[in-house]
PDB file of N, CA and C in Angstrom:
ATOM      1  N   MET A   1     -13.995  50.930  -0.426  1.00  0.00           N
ATOM      2  CA  MET A   1     -14.500  49.986  -1.586  1.00  0.00           C
ATOM      3  C   MET A   1     -13.437  48.567  -1.156  1.00  0.00           C
ATOM      4  N   PHE A   2     -12.128  48.889  -1.269  1.00  0.00           N
ATOM      5  CA  PHE A   2     -11.101  47.774  -0.915  1.00  0.00           C
ATOM      6  C   PHE A   2     -11.574  46.944   0.581  1.00  0.00           C
ATOM      7  N   GLN A   3     -11.651  47.653   1.623  1.00  0.00           N
ATOM      8  CA  GLN A   3     -11.941  47.280   2.970  1.00  0.00           C
ATOM      9  C   GLN A   3     -13.161  46.400   3.029  1.00  0.00           C
ATOM     10  N   PHE A   4     -14.187  47.098   2.178  1.00  0.00           N
ATOM     11  CA  PHE A   4     -15.531  46.150   2.235  1.00  0.00           C
ATOM     12  C   PHE A   4     -15.411  44.757   1.420  1.00  0.00           C
ATOM     13  N   LYS A   5     -14.585  44.842   0.301  1.00  0.00           N
ATOM     14  CA  LYS A   5     -14.210  43.645  -0.315  1.00  0.00           C
ATOM     15  C   LYS A   5     -13.764  42.474   0.654  1.00  0.00           C
ATOM     16  N   HIS A   6     -12.797  42.904   1.310  1.00  0.00           N
ATOM     17  CA  HIS A   6     -12.120  42.030   2.362  1.00  0.00           C
ATOM     18  C   HIS A   6     -12.920  41.630   3.477  1.00  0.00           C
ATOM     19  N   LEU A   7     -13.871  42.479   3.823  1.00  0.00           N
ATOM     20  CA  LEU A   7     -14.780  42.087   5.008  1.00  0.00           C
ATOM     21  C   LEU A   7     -15.839  41.151   4.373  1.00  0.00           C
ATOM     22  N   ALA A   8     -16.229  41.625   3.109  1.00  0.00           N
ATOM     23  CA  ALA A   8     -17.416  40.599   2.535  1.00  0.00           C
ATOM     24  C   ALA A   8     -16.638  39.145   2.224  1.00  0.00           C
ATOM     25  N   LEU A   9     -15.376  39.225   1.896  1.00  0.00           N
ATOM     26  CA  LEU A   9     -14.669  37.706   1.780  1.00  0.00           C
ATOM     27  C   LEU A   9     -14.558  37.108   2.827  1.00  0.00           C
ATOM     28  N   PHE A  10     -14.208  37.675   4.049  1.00  0.00           N
ATOM     29  CA  PHE A  10     -13.926  37.160   5.281  1.00  0.00           C
ATOM     30  C   PHE A  10     -15.274  36.571   5.825  1.00  0.00           C
ATOM     31  N   ALA A  11     -16.395  37.340   5.875  1.00  0.00           N
ATOM     32  CA  ALA A  11     -17.734  37.003   6.280  1.00  0.00           C
ATOM     33  C   ALA A  11     -18.421  35.832   5.533  1.00  0.00           C
ATOM     34  N   GLY A  12     -18.112  35.819   4.233  1.00  0.00           N
ATOM     35  CA  GLY A  12     -18.539  34.671   3.332  1.00  0.00           C
ATOM     36  C   GLY A  12     -17.778  33.353   3.658  1.00  0.00           C
ATOM     37  N   GLY A  13     -16.319  33.499   3.770  1.00  0.00           N
ATOM     38  CA  GLY A  13     -15.596  32.441   4.059  1.00  0.00           C
ATOM     39  C   GLY A  13     -16.021  31.647   5.416  1.00  0.00           C
ATOM     40  N   THR A  14     -16.311  32.647   6.437  1.00  0.00           N
ATOM     41  CA  THR A  14     -16.623  32.028   7.708  1.00  0.00           C
ATOM     42  C   THR A  14     -18.048  31.554   7.604  1.00  0.00           C
ATOM     43  N   LEU A  15     -18.948  32.021   6.862  1.00  0.00           N
ATOM     44  CA  LEU A  15     -20.386  31.466   6.764  1.00  0.00           C
ATOM     45  C   LEU A  15     -20.310  30.204   5.846  1.00  0.00           C
ATOM     46  N   LEU A  16     -19.438  30.092   4.989  1.00  0.00           N
ATOM     47  CA  LEU A  16     -19.185  28.990   4.243  1.00  0.00           C
ATOM     48  C   LEU A  16     -18.570  27.955   5.088  1.00  0.00           C
ATOM     49  N   GLY A  17     -17.609  28.266   5.826  1.00  0.00           N
ATOM     50  CA  GLY A  17     -16.920  27.291   6.444  1.00  0.00           C
ATOM     51  C   GLY A  17     -17.916  26.608   7.672  1.00  0.00           C
ATOM     52  N   SER A  18     -18.794  27.522   8.137  1.00  0.00           N
ATOM     53  CA  SER A  18     -19.588  27.087   9.181  1.00  0.00           C
ATOM     54  C   SER A  18     -20.570  26.108   8.565  1.00  0.00           C
ATOM     55  N   ALA A  19     -21.243  26.459   7.503  1.00  0.00           N
ATOM     56  CA  ALA A  19     -22.092  25.479   6.659  1.00  0.00           C
ATOM     57  C   ALA A  19     -21.488  24.177   6.456  1.00  0.00           C
ATOM     58  N   GLY A  20     -20.197  24.501   6.162  1.00  0.00           N
ATOM     59  CA  GLY A  20     -19.533  23.074   5.423  1.00  0.00           C
ATOM     60  C   GLY A  20     -19.306  22.248   6.641  1.00  0.00           C
ATOM     61  N   PHE A  21     -18.771  22.857   7.927  1.00  0.00           N
ATOM     62  CA  PHE A  21     -18.539  22.202   9.064  1.00  0.00           C
ATOM     63  C   PHE A  21     -19.991  21.389   9.399  1.00  0.00           C
ATOM     64  N   LYS A  22     -21.097  22.069   9.549  1.00  0.00           N
ATOM     65  CA  LYS A  22     -22.171  21.457   9.796  1.00  0.00           C
ATOM     66  C   LYS A  22     -22.617  20.248   8.806  1.00  0.00           C
ATOM     67  N   LEU A  23     -22.362  20.462   7.612  1.00  0.00           N
ATOM     68  CA  LEU A  23     -22.502  19.441   6.638  1.00  0.00           C
ATOM     69  C   LEU A  23     -21.637  18.230   6.808  1.00  0.00           C
ATOM     70  N   LEU A  24     -20.501  18.431   7.070  1.00  0.00           N
ATOM     71  CA  LEU A  24     -19.542  17.343   7.157  1.00  0.00           C
ATOM     72  C   LEU A  24     -19.898  16.634   8.696  1.00  0.00           C
ATOM     73  N   ALA A  25     -20.520  17.153   9.556  1.00  0.00           N
ATOM     74  CA  ALA A  25     -20.950  16.475  10.732  1.00  0.00           C
ATOM     75  C   ALA A  25     -22.294  15.993  10.881  1.00  0.00           C
ATOM     76  N   SER A  26     -22.846  15.937   9.581  1.00  0.00           N
ATOM     77  CA  SER A  26     -24.476  15.675   9.656  1.00  0.00           C
ATOM     78  C   SER A  26     -24.420  14.257   9.607  1.00  0.00           C
ATOM     79  N   LYS A  27     -25.461  13.424  10.020  1.00  0.00           N
ATOM     80  CA  LYS A  27     -25.855  12.057   9.973  1.00  0.00           C
ATOM     81  C   LYS A  27     -25.424  11.482   8.432  1.00  0.00           C
ATOM     82  N   ASP A  28     -26.027  12.266   7.582  1.00  0.00           N
ATOM     83  CA  ASP A  28     -25.801  11.739   6.143  1.00  0.00           C
ATOM     84  C   ASP A  28     -24.360  11.472   5.853  1.00  0.00           C
ATOM     85  N   ALA A  29     -23.482  12.550   6.069  1.00  0.00           N
ATOM     86  CA  ALA A  29     -22.207  12.449   5.822  1.00  0.00           C
ATOM     87  C   ALA A  29     -21.501  11.562   6.745  1.00  0.00           C
ATOM     88  N   GLN A  30     -21.827  11.333   7.804  1.00  0.00           N
ATOM     89  CA  GLN A  30     -21.118  10.293   8.881  1.00  0.00           C
ATOM     90  C   GLN A  30     -21.416   8.807   8.094  1.00  0.00           C
ATOM     91  N   LYS A  31     -22.680   8.728   7.645  1.00  0.00           N
ATOM     92  CA  LYS A  31     -22.985   7.483   6.928  1.00  0.00           C
ATOM     93  C   LYS A  31     -22.129   7.296   5.633  1.00  0.00           C
ATOM     94  N   ALA A  32     -21.925   8.295   5.037  1.00  0.00           N
ATOM     95  CA  ALA A  32     -21.135   8.089   3.744  1.00  0.00           C
ATOM     96  C   ALA A  32     -19.559   7.980   4.367  1.00  0.00           C
ATOM     97  N   TYR A  33     -19.199   8.407   5.347  1.00  0.00           N
ATOM     98  CA  TYR A  33     -17.798   8.474   5.680  1.00  0.00           C
ATOM     99  C   TYR A  33     -17.729   6.936   6.272  1.00  0.00           C
ATOM    100  N   THR A  34     -18.832   6.352   6.765  1.00  0.00           N
ATOM    101  CA  THR A  34     -18.589   4.751   7.301  1.00  0.00           C
ATOM    102  C   THR A  34     -18.522   3.824   6.136  1.00  0.00           C
ATOM    103  N   HIS A  35     -19.255   4.206   4.996  1.00  0.00           N
ATOM    104  CA  HIS A  35     -19.390   3.236   3.791  1.00  0.00           C
ATOM    105  C   HIS A  35     -18.057   3.390   3.069  1.00  0.00           C
ATOM    106  N   VAL A  36     -17.570   4.618   3.142  1.00  0.00           N
ATOM    107  CA  VAL A  36     -16.150   4.757   2.329  1.00  0.00           C
ATOM    108  C   VAL A  36     -15.116   3.971   3.315  1.00  0.00           C
ATOM    109  N   THR A  37     -15.204   4.145   4.440  1.00  0.00           N
ATOM    110  CA  THR A  37     -14.150   3.533   5.404  1.00  0.00           C
ATOM    111  C   THR A  37     -14.164   2.072   5.361  1.00  0.00           C
ATOM    112  N   ALA A  38     -15.558   1.625   5.197  1.00  0.00           N
ATOM    113  CA  ALA A  38     -15.714  -0.145   4.841  1.00  0.00           C
ATOM    114  C   ALA A  38     -15.019  -0.605   3.868  1.00  0.00           C
ATOM    115  N   ALA A  39     -15.273   0.387   2.645  1.00  0.00           N
ATOM    116  CA  ALA A  39     -14.727   0.086   1.319  1.00  0.00           C
ATOM    117  C   ALA A  39     -13.303   0.091   1.345  1.00  0.00           C
ATOM    118  N   ALA A  40     -12.629   0.998   2.147  1.00  0.00           N
ATOM    119  CA  ALA A  40     -11.214   1.015   2.252  1.00  0.00           C
ATOM    120  C   ALA A  40     -10.862  -0.144   2.929  1.00  0.00           C
ATOM    121  N   LEU A  41     -11.442  -0.636   4.098  1.00  0.00           N
ATOM    122  CA  LEU A  41     -10.852  -1.839   4.678  1.00  0.00           C
ATOM    123  C   LEU A  41     -11.064  -3.111   3.813  1.00  0.00           C
ATOM    124  N   ARG A  42     -12.116  -3.429   3.016  1.00  0.00           N
ATOM    125  CA  ARG A  42     -12.248  -4.245   2.216  1.00  0.00           C
ATOM    126  C   ARG A  42     -11.075  -4.329   0.919  1.00  0.00           C
ATOM    127  N   CYS A  43     -10.708  -3.063   0.592  1.00  0.00           N
ATOM    128  CA  CYS A  43      -9.490  -3.030  -0.313  1.00  0.00           C
ATOM    129  C   CYS A  43      -8.211  -3.426   0.340  1.00  0.00           C
ATOM    130  N   LYS A  44      -8.130  -2.952   1.646  1.00  0.00           N
ATOM    131  CA  LYS A  44      -7.094  -3.438   2.292  1.00  0.00           C
ATOM    132  C   LYS A  44      -6.860  -4.871   2.481  1.00  0.00           C
ATOM    133  N   ASP A  45      -7.775  -5.648   2.881  1.00  0.00           N
ATOM    134  CA  ASP A  45      -7.913  -6.965   3.061  1.00  0.00           C
ATOM    135  C   ASP A  45      -7.525  -7.781   1.776  1.00  0.00           C
ATOM    136  N   SER A  46      -8.060  -7.209   0.605  1.00  0.00           N
ATOM    137  CA  SER A  46      -7.967  -7.903  -0.917  1.00  0.00           C
ATOM    138  C   SER A  46      -6.440  -7.471  -0.968  1.00  0.00           C
ATOM    139  N   VAL A  47      -5.809  -6.557  -0.695  1.00  0.00           N
ATOM    140  CA  VAL A  47      -4.232  -6.026  -0.959  1.00  0.00           C
ATOM    141  C   VAL A  47      -3.530  -6.983  -0.145  1.00  0.00           C
ATOM    142  N   MET A  48      -3.973  -7.130   0.827  1.00  0.00           N
ATOM    143  CA  MET A  48      -2.993  -8.116   1.789  1.00  0.00           C
ATOM    144  C   MET A  48      -3.103  -9.373   1.411  1.00  0.00           C
ATOM    145  N   THR A  49      -4.263  -9.850   0.908  1.00  0.00           N
ATOM    146  CA  THR A  49      -4.189 -11.363   0.678  1.00  0.00           C
ATOM    147  C   THR A  49      -3.435 -11.515  -0.561  1.00  0.00           C
ATOM    148  N   THR A  50      -3.340 -10.632  -1.559  1.00  0.00           N
ATOM    149  CA  THR A  50      -2.558 -10.651  -2.818  1.00  0.00           C
ATOM    150  C   THR A  50      -0.946 -10.379  -2.418  1.00  0.00           C
ATOM    151  N   VAL A  51      -0.691  -9.794  -1.309  1.00  0.00           N
ATOM    152  CA  VAL A  51       0.773  -9.458  -0.957  1.00  0.00           C
ATOM    153  C   VAL A  51       1.163 -10.817  -0.289  1.00  0.00           C
ATOM    154  N   ASP A  52       0.291 -11.554   0.485  1.00  0.00           N
ATOM    155  CA  ASP A  52       0.737 -12.776   1.229  1.00  0.00           C
ATOM    156  C   ASP A  52       0.894 -13.885   0.047  1.00  0.00           C
ATOM    157  N   LYS A  53       0.145 -13.924  -1.068  1.00  0.00           N
ATOM    158  CA  LYS A  53       0.255 -14.888  -2.118  1.00  0.00           C
ATOM    159  C   LYS A  53       1.532 -14.681  -2.659  1.00  0.00           C
ATOM    160  N   MET A  54       1.911 -13.138  -2.935  1.00  0.00           N
ATOM    161  CA  MET A  54       3.148 -12.948  -3.672  1.00  0.00           C
ATOM    162  C   MET A  54       4.417 -13.294  -2.795  1.00  0.00           C
ATOM    163  N   GLN A  55       4.256 -13.106  -1.508  1.00  0.00           N
ATOM    164  CA  GLN A  55       5.415 -13.518  -0.506  1.00  0.00           C
ATOM    165  C   GLN A  55       5.654 -14.948  -0.303  1.00  0.00           C
ATOM    166  N   GLU A  56       4.441 -15.688  -0.491  1.00  0.00           N
ATOM    167  CA  GLU A  56       4.472 -17.193  -0.532  1.00  0.00           C
ATOM    168  C   GLU A  56       5.421 -17.633  -1.864  1.00  0.00           C
ATOM    169  N   ALA A  57       5.286 -16.967  -3.079  1.00  0.00           N
ATOM    170  CA  ALA A  57       5.646 -17.487  -4.357  1.00  0.00           C
ATOM    171  C   ALA A  57       6.986 -16.839  -4.081  1.00  0.00           C
ATOM    172  N   ALA A  58       7.274 -15.776  -3.680  1.00  0.00           N
ATOM    173  CA  ALA A  58       8.684 -15.296  -3.567  1.00  0.00           C
ATOM    174  C   ALA A  58       9.613 -16.167  -2.897  1.00  0.00           C
ATOM    175  N   GLY A  59       8.948 -16.606  -1.594  1.00  0.00           N
ATOM    176  CA  GLY A  59       9.673 -17.860  -0.875  1.00  0.00           C
ATOM    177  C   GLY A  59       9.877 -19.088  -1.357  1.00  0.00           C
ATOM    178  N   ASP A  60       9.036 -19.387  -2.156  1.00  0.00           N
ATOM    179  CA  ASP A  60       9.188 -20.695  -3.161  1.00  0.00           C
ATOM    180  C   ASP A  60      10.374 -20.487  -4.124  1.00  0.00           C
ATOM    181  N   ILE A  61      10.146 -19.276  -4.668  1.00  0.00           N
ATOM    182  CA  ILE A  61      11.345 -18.976  -5.855  1.00  0.00           C
ATOM    183  C   ILE A  61      12.642 -18.840  -5.173  1.00  0.00           C
ATOM    184  N   LEU A  62      12.771 -18.186  -3.926  1.00  0.00           N
ATOM    185  CA  LEU A  62      14.006 -18.338  -3.194  1.00  0.00           C
ATOM    186  C   LEU A  62      14.579 -19.549  -2.676  1.00  0.00           C
ATOM    187  N   ALA A  63      13.665 -20.350  -2.105  1.00  0.00           N
ATOM    188  CA  ALA A  63      14.152 -21.713  -1.804  1.00  0.00           C
ATOM    189  C   ALA A  63      14.621 -22.603  -2.947  1.00  0.00           C
ATOM    190  N   ASP A  64      14.050 -22.355  -4.348  1.00  0.00           N
ATOM    191  CA  ASP A  64      14.525 -23.040  -5.490  1.00  0.00           C
ATOM    192  C   ASP A  64      15.746 -22.658  -5.981  1.00  0.00           C
ATOM    193  N   ALA A  65      16.002 -21.206  -5.815  1.00  0.00           N
ATOM    194  CA  ALA A  65      17.134 -20.679  -6.362  1.00  0.00           C
ATOM    195  C   ALA A  65      18.344 -21.111  -5.310  1.00  0.00           C
ATOM    196  N   LYS A  66      18.193 -21.183  -4.099  1.00  0.00           N
ATOM    197  CA  LYS A  66      19.087 -21.642  -3.163  1.00  0.00           C
ATOM    198  C   LYS A  66      19.487 -23.165  -3.393  1.00  0.00           C
ATOM    199  N   GLU A  67      18.397 -23.838  -3.701  1.00  0.00           N
ATOM    200  CA  GLU A  67      18.790 -25.279  -4.191  1.00  0.00           C
ATOM    201  C   GLU A  67      19.488 -25.232  -5.213  1.00  0.00           C
ATOM    202  N   ILE A  68      19.219 -24.552  -6.363  1.00  0.00           N
ATOM    203  CA  ILE A  68      20.145 -24.703  -7.512  1.00  0.00           C
ATOM    204  C   ILE A  68      21.581 -24.237  -7.440  1.00  0.00           C
ATOM    205  N   ASN A  69      21.718 -23.215  -6.515  1.00  0.00           N
ATOM    206  CA  ASN A  69      23.237 -23.004  -6.211  1.00  0.00           C
ATOM    207  C   ASN A  69      23.700 -23.945  -5.264  1.00  0.00           C
ATOM    208  N   GLU A  70      23.186 -24.434  -4.616  1.00  0.00           N
ATOM    209  CA  GLU A  70      23.871 -25.800  -3.634  1.00  0.00           C
ATOM    210  C   GLU A  70      24.355 -26.695  -4.656  1.00  0.00           C
ATOM    211  N   LYS A  71      23.176 -27.215  -5.890  1.00  0.00           N
ATOM    212  CA  LYS A  71      23.760 -28.036  -6.750  1.00  0.00           C
ATOM    213  C   LYS A  71      24.845 -27.687  -7.357  1.00  0.00           C
ATOM    214  N   ARG A  72      25.008 -26.443  -7.722  1.00  0.00           N
ATOM    215  CA  ARG A  72      26.197 -25.968  -8.690  1.00  0.00           C
ATOM    216  C   ARG A  72      27.393 -25.839  -7.788  1.00  0.00           C
ATOM    217  N   ALA A  73      27.350 -25.548  -6.593  1.00  0.00           N
ATOM    218  CA  ALA A  73      28.673 -25.343  -5.699  1.00  0.00           C
ATOM    219  C   ALA A  73      29.085 -27.094  -5.585  1.00  0.00           C
ATOM    220  N   ALA A  74      28.052 -27.778  -5.316  1.00  0.00           N
ATOM    221  CA  ALA A  74      28.453 -29.334  -5.172  1.00  0.00           C
ATOM    222  C   ALA A  74      29.086 -29.687  -6.310  1.00  0.00           C
ATOM    223  N   ALA A  75      28.296 -29.425  -7.505  1.00  0.00           N
ATOM    224  CA  ALA A  75      29.066 -29.840  -9.009  1.00  0.00           C
ATOM    225  C   ALA A  75      30.515 -29.219  -9.107  1.00  0.00           C
ATOM    226  N   ALA A  76      30.663 -28.047  -8.706  1.00  0.00           N
ATOM    227  CA  ALA A  76      31.875 -27.396  -8.873  1.00  0.00           C
ATOM    228  C   ALA A  76      32.983 -28.171  -8.093  1.00  0.00           C
ATOM    229  N   GLU A  77      32.679 -28.525  -6.701  1.00  0.00           N
ATOM    230  CA  GLU A  77      33.399 -29.059  -5.902  1.00  0.00           C
ATOM    231  C   GLU A  77      34.101 -30.366  -6.448  1.00  0.00           C
ATOM    232  N   VAL A  78      33.242 -31.079  -7.067  1.00  0.00           N
ATOM    233  CA  VAL A  78      33.489 -32.471  -7.701  1.00  0.00           C
ATOM    234  C   VAL A  78      34.547 -32.432  -8.680  1.00  0.00           C
ATOM    235  N   VAL A  79      34.300 -31.197  -9.428  1.00  0.00           N
ATOM    236  CA  VAL A  79      35.269 -31.047 -10.743  1.00  0.00           C
ATOM    237  C   VAL A  79      36.535 -30.616 -10.179  1.00  0.00           C
ATOM    238  N   GLU A  80      36.452 -29.777  -8.988  1.00  0.00           N
ATOM    239  CA  GLU A  80      37.864 -29.287  -8.512  1.00  0.00           C
ATOM    240  C   GLU A  80      38.750 -30.293  -7.971  1.00  0.00           C
ATOM    241  N   ASP A  81      37.903 -31.533  -7.335  1.00  0.00           N
ATOM    242  CA  ASP A  81      38.492 -32.613  -6.642  1.00  0.00           C
ATOM    243  C   ASP A  81      38.896 -33.570  -7.702  1.00  0.00           C
ATOM    244  N   ALA A  82      38.460 -33.437  -8.602  1.00  0.00           N
ATOM    245  CA  ALA A  82      38.988 -34.583  -9.782  1.00  0.00           C
ATOM    246  C   ALA A  82      40.542 -34.617 -10.113  1.00  0.00           C
ATOM    247  N   PRO A  83      40.929 -35.600 -10.188  1.00  0.00           N
ATOM    248  CA  PRO A  83      42.384 -35.721 -10.471  1.00  0.00           C
ATOM    249  C   PRO A  83      42.857 -35.150 -11.676  1.00  0.00           C
ATOM    250  N   GLU A  84      43.939 -34.504 -11.878  1.00  0.00           N
ATOM    251  CA  GLU A  84      44.215 -33.938 -13.255  1.00  0.00           C
ATOM    252  C   GLU A  84      45.047 -34.725 -13.986  1.00  0.00           C
ATOM    253  N   GLU A  85      44.797 -34.799 -15.341  1.00  0.00           N
ATOM    254  CA  GLU A  85      45.464 -35.678 -16.148  1.00  0.00           C
ATOM    255  C   GLU A  85      46.601 -35.064 -16.859  1.00  0.00           C
ATOM    256  N   ALA A  86      47.701 -35.769 -16.807  1.00  0.00           N
ATOM    257  CA  ALA A  86      49.067 -35.176 -17.327  1.00  0.00           C
ATOM    258  C   ALA A  86      49.282 -35.436 -18.768  1.00  0.00           C
TER     259      ALA A  86
END
């Protein structure tokens, strides 16, 4: 009985695998894969557009931060160069 169960499971798995392969290779399945891939590409384009906008904003923020630091450094130089009062 135990051997028959294993043989039946193997045969069923092989049959199901063959049917699954044929189903996955069918024209309808390929059409579905094409639509899913097209949607994924549209999603990728949308994400890349958002990433580009964020990179531009980050670049602007970085430039502003560098400008602020340069002004602070220049102001600190002026204070250090000022004559000391006795």
